[in-house]
Amino acid sequence: MRLDKYLKVTRLIKRRTIANEACDAGRISANGRIVKASYEVKEGDILEIAMGAKPLKVKVLKVSEYATKADAADNYLVIND
């Protein structure tokens, strides 16, 4: 699944267009390197989202096309450094 869609489905970013803009601005990295919105997200990837005052670091647990509001957080695990 594309990175911008994954961020929207999991509700890490509210809208897909905002996720796309964040990728274009270089605010999202996967496994330590900056990636574009077309990056294919895989299970086990470490995503870093640098939006706002505190960057968010998550590990992708599963990739699903659709997620309800209640199930969205089951797709990732927040990592604290």
C-alpha atoms as a PDB file:
ATOM      1  CA  MET A   1       0.000   0.000   0.000  1.00  0.00           C
ATOM      2  CA  ARG A   2       1.208   3.522  -0.758  1.00  0.00           C
ATOM      3  CA  LEU A   3       2.592   5.476   2.184  1.00  0.00           C
ATOM      4  CA  ASP A   4       0.141   8.370   1.870  1.00  0.00           C
ATOM      5  CA  LYS A   5      -2.823   5.981   1.875  1.00  0.00           C
ATOM      6  CA  TYR A   6      -1.422   4.028   4.837  1.00  0.00           C
ATOM      7  CA  LEU A   7      -1.062   7.215   6.887  1.00  0.00           C
ATOM      8  CA  LYS A   8      -4.677   8.127   6.134  1.00  0.00           C
ATOM      9  CA  VAL A   9      -6.140   4.636   6.731  1.00  0.00           C
ATOM     10  CA  THR A  10      -4.367   4.312  10.083  1.00  0.00           C
ATOM     11  CA  ARG A  11      -5.367   7.873  10.975  1.00  0.00           C
ATOM     12  CA  LEU A  12      -1.793   8.925  11.722  1.00  0.00           C
ATOM     13  CA  ILE A  13      -2.539  11.867   9.412  1.00  0.00           C
ATOM     14  CA  LYS A  14      -6.117  13.010   8.954  1.00  0.00           C
ATOM     15  CA  ARG A  15      -6.237  13.526   5.179  1.00  0.00           C
ATOM     16  CA  ARG A  16      -4.432  11.849   2.300  1.00  0.00           C
ATOM     17  CA  THR A  17      -3.597  15.177   0.670  1.00  0.00           C
ATOM     18  CA  ILE A  18      -1.893  16.348   3.866  1.00  0.00           C
ATOM     19  CA  ALA A  19       0.013  13.044   4.017  1.00  0.00           C
ATOM     20  CA  ASN A  20       1.078  13.544   0.402  1.00  0.00           C
ATOM     21  CA  GLU A  21       2.260  17.102   1.120  1.00  0.00           C
ATOM     22  CA  ALA A  22       4.201  15.913   4.192  1.00  0.00           C
ATOM     23  CA  CYS A  23       5.987  13.316   2.054  1.00  0.00           C
ATOM     24  CA  ASP A  24       6.818  15.920  -0.599  1.00  0.00           C
ATOM     25  CA  ALA A  25       8.240  18.211   2.111  1.00  0.00           C
ATOM     26  CA  GLY A  26      10.541  15.438   3.372  1.00  0.00           C
ATOM     27  CA  ARG A  27       8.840  15.122   6.762  1.00  0.00           C
ATOM     28  CA  ILE A  28       8.293  11.346   6.552  1.00  0.00           C
ATOM     29  CA  SER A  29      11.025   8.733   6.616  1.00  0.00           C
ATOM     30  CA  ALA A  30      10.908   4.951   6.450  1.00  0.00           C
ATOM     31  CA  ASN A  31      13.701   2.839   7.902  1.00  0.00           C
ATOM     32  CA  GLY A  32      15.939   5.889   8.284  1.00  0.00           C
ATOM     33  CA  ARG A  33      15.588   7.414   4.822  1.00  0.00           C
ATOM     34  CA  ILE A  34      13.238  10.069   3.497  1.00  0.00           C
ATOM     35  CA  VAL A  35      10.604   8.575   1.195  1.00  0.00           C
ATOM     36  CA  LYS A  36       7.974   9.774  -1.251  1.00  0.00           C
ATOM     37  CA  ALA A  37       4.220   9.224  -1.037  1.00  0.00           C
ATOM     38  CA  SER A  38       4.478   6.336  -3.517  1.00  0.00           C
ATOM     39  CA  TYR A  39       6.688   4.280  -1.146  1.00  0.00           C
ATOM     40  CA  GLU A  40       5.211   0.784  -0.628  1.00  0.00           C
ATOM     41  CA  VAL A  41       4.686   0.245   3.101  1.00  0.00           C
ATOM     42  CA  LYS A  42       5.548  -3.249   4.373  1.00  0.00           C
ATOM     43  CA  GLU A  43       5.091  -4.947   7.731  1.00  0.00           C
ATOM     44  CA  GLY A  44       8.079  -4.266   9.973  1.00  0.00           C
ATOM     45  CA  ASP A  45       8.861  -0.831   8.517  1.00  0.00           C
ATOM     46  CA  ILE A  46       9.794   1.923  10.976  1.00  0.00           C
ATOM     47  CA  LEU A  47       8.110   5.211  10.023  1.00  0.00           C
ATOM     48  CA  GLU A  48       9.143   8.587  11.430  1.00  0.00           C
ATOM     49  CA  ILE A  49       6.686  11.457  11.063  1.00  0.00           C
ATOM     50  CA  ALA A  50       8.130  14.911  11.759  1.00  0.00           C
ATOM     51  CA  MET A  51       4.982  17.021  12.022  1.00  0.00           C
ATOM     52  CA  GLY A  52       4.387  19.250  15.003  1.00  0.00           C
ATOM     53  CA  ALA A  53       6.683  19.805  17.973  1.00  0.00           C
ATOM     54  CA  LYS A  54       7.444  16.154  18.733  1.00  0.00           C
ATOM     55  CA  PRO A  55       8.294  13.635  15.994  1.00  0.00           C
ATOM     56  CA  LEU A  56       6.311  10.400  16.002  1.00  0.00           C
ATOM     57  CA  LYS A  57       8.017   7.050  15.436  1.00  0.00           C
ATOM     58  CA  VAL A  58       5.902   3.963  14.694  1.00  0.00           C
ATOM     59  CA  LYS A  59       6.472   0.359  13.642  1.00  0.00           C
ATOM     60  CA  VAL A  60       4.113  -1.044  11.016  1.00  0.00           C
ATOM     61  CA  LEU A  61       2.440  -4.175  12.408  1.00  0.00           C
ATOM     62  CA  LYS A  62       0.047  -4.859   9.541  1.00  0.00           C
ATOM     63  CA  VAL A  63      -1.094  -3.300   6.319  1.00  0.00           C
ATOM     64  CA  SER A  64      -4.827  -3.385   5.588  1.00  0.00           C
ATOM     65  CA  GLU A  65      -6.777  -1.514   2.917  1.00  0.00           C
ATOM     66  CA  TYR A  66      -9.541  -0.464   5.309  1.00  0.00           C
ATOM     67  CA  ALA A  67      -9.651   0.155   9.038  1.00  0.00           C
ATOM     68  CA  THR A  68     -12.435   1.360  11.265  1.00  0.00           C
ATOM     69  CA  LYS A  69     -11.750   4.091  13.773  1.00  0.00           C
ATOM     70  CA  ALA A  70     -11.497   1.476  16.540  1.00  0.00           C
ATOM     71  CA  ASP A  71      -9.145  -0.809  14.564  1.00  0.00           C
ATOM     72  CA  ALA A  72      -6.856   1.878  13.115  1.00  0.00           C
ATOM     73  CA  ALA A  73      -4.383   1.843  16.024  1.00  0.00           C
ATOM     74  CA  ASP A  74      -3.935  -1.957  15.716  1.00  0.00           C
ATOM     75  CA  ASN A  75      -1.981  -1.430  12.472  1.00  0.00           C
ATOM     76  CA  TYR A  76       1.031   0.191  14.165  1.00  0.00           C
ATOM     77  CA  LEU A  77       2.991   0.363  17.404  1.00  0.00           C
ATOM     78  CA  VAL A  78       4.287   3.686  18.740  1.00  0.00           C
ATOM     79  CA  ILE A  79       8.005   3.523  19.570  1.00  0.00           C
ATOM     80  CA  ASN A  80       9.434   5.863  22.206  1.00  0.00           C
ATOM     81  CA  ASP A  81      13.141   6.633  22.079  1.00  0.00           C
END
